[in-house]
Amino acid sequence: MSNPMEAHMASPTLLDPESLYSQAELVPLLKKSRAWFERSRWDGSGPPFVKVGRLSLYRGADVLAWLEANRRTSKSQNNTEKSDHS
């Protein structure tokens, strides 16, 4: 029997890079709240999005790239590569 947690952790790989996804579709996949998505659109901390009228949509390829860019090997690892704090 497979581990249900492993199956859930693999779920973002089910995103089709060419498809568009709504916030409601991504909330359960990324385990983030609607408020997090709204805040991340405002402050730019989340995946890139596309505005279609009043609707915010996310390209699968952008979400996957954002996940990869935020991958860490330890909790102490930070995002200093992208920082201008010289």
Protein backbone atom coordinates (compact mmCIF):
# COMPACT_ATOMS: atom_id res chain seq x y z
CA MET A 1 0.00 0.00 0.00
CA SER A 2 1.40 3.42 -0.92
CA ASN A 3 1.83 6.22 1.56
CA PRO A 4 -1.03 8.77 1.14
CA MET A 5 1.28 11.63 2.13
CA GLU A 6 3.70 10.75 -0.68
CA ALA A 7 0.82 10.76 -3.15
CA HIS A 8 -0.30 14.19 -1.92
CA MET A 9 3.22 15.62 -2.01
CA ALA A 10 3.48 14.56 -5.67
CA SER A 11 0.22 16.30 -6.64
CA PRO A 12 1.79 19.57 -7.93
CA THR A 13 3.52 17.51 -10.62
CA LEU A 14 0.03 16.82 -11.96
CA LEU A 15 -0.15 20.42 -13.17
CA ASP A 16 -0.16 20.69 -16.93
CA PRO A 17 2.43 23.36 -17.83
CA GLU A 18 0.25 24.59 -20.72
CA SER A 19 -3.01 24.89 -18.73
CA LEU A 20 -4.42 27.80 -16.77
CA TYR A 21 -5.55 27.25 -13.18
CA SER A 22 -7.79 29.29 -10.91
CA GLN A 23 -6.91 30.18 -7.36
CA ALA A 24 -9.61 27.74 -6.19
CA GLU A 25 -7.91 24.88 -8.06
CA LEU A 26 -4.48 25.68 -6.60
CA VAL A 27 -5.54 26.18 -2.95
CA PRO A 28 -5.76 22.43 -2.19
CA LEU A 29 -2.74 21.50 -4.32
CA LEU A 30 -0.36 23.97 -2.68
CA LYS A 31 -2.00 23.84 0.76
CA LYS A 32 -2.31 27.61 0.82
CA SER A 33 -5.36 29.69 1.74
CA ARG A 34 -7.32 31.99 -0.53
CA ALA A 35 -6.03 34.88 1.58
CA TRP A 36 -2.43 33.78 0.93
CA PHE A 37 -3.02 33.84 -2.84
CA GLU A 38 -4.62 37.30 -2.63
CA ARG A 39 -1.79 38.64 -0.47
CA SER A 40 0.90 37.08 -2.68
CA ARG A 41 -0.60 38.73 -5.76
CA TRP A 42 -0.45 42.07 -3.96
CA ASP A 43 3.13 41.74 -2.66
CA GLY A 44 4.57 39.64 -5.51
CA SER A 45 5.68 36.74 -3.30
CA GLY A 46 3.67 34.03 -5.05
CA PRO A 47 3.63 32.51 -8.50
CA PRO A 48 3.15 34.83 -11.48
CA PHE A 49 -0.45 35.22 -12.62
CA VAL A 50 -2.41 36.38 -15.64
CA LYS A 51 -5.35 38.77 -15.38
CA VAL A 52 -8.32 37.94 -17.61
CA GLY A 53 -10.86 40.61 -16.81
CA ARG A 54 -11.41 40.35 -13.07
CA LEU A 55 -10.12 36.77 -12.94
CA SER A 56 -6.57 35.90 -11.85
CA LEU A 57 -5.28 32.73 -13.49
CA TYR A 58 -2.03 30.84 -13.06
CA ARG A 59 -0.14 29.05 -15.83
CA GLY A 60 0.90 25.58 -14.79
CA ALA A 61 4.44 26.24 -16.04
CA ASP A 62 4.69 29.38 -13.86
CA VAL A 63 3.47 27.56 -10.75
CA LEU A 64 5.92 24.71 -11.30
CA ALA A 65 8.79 27.18 -11.88
CA TRP A 66 7.83 29.10 -8.72
CA LEU A 67 7.80 25.86 -6.71
CA GLU A 68 11.25 24.93 -8.05
CA ALA A 69 12.63 28.39 -7.28
CA ASN A 70 11.39 28.06 -3.68
CA ARG A 71 12.80 24.58 -3.10
CA ARG A 72 15.07 24.35 -0.05
CA THR A 73 17.33 21.67 1.39
CA SER A 74 17.18 22.96 4.97
CA LYS A 75 15.18 25.38 7.09
CA SER A 76 18.25 27.53 7.61
CA GLN A 77 18.70 28.07 3.87
CA ASN A 78 17.39 31.48 2.83
CA ASN A 79 16.85 33.24 -0.45
CA THR A 80 20.05 35.34 -0.42
CA GLU A 81 20.82 34.58 -4.08
CA LYS A 82 17.96 36.88 -5.14
CA SER A 83 18.66 39.57 -2.56
CA ASP A 84 20.46 42.86 -3.14
CA HIS A 85 21.58 43.13 0.50
CA SER A 86 25.30 43.72 -0.22
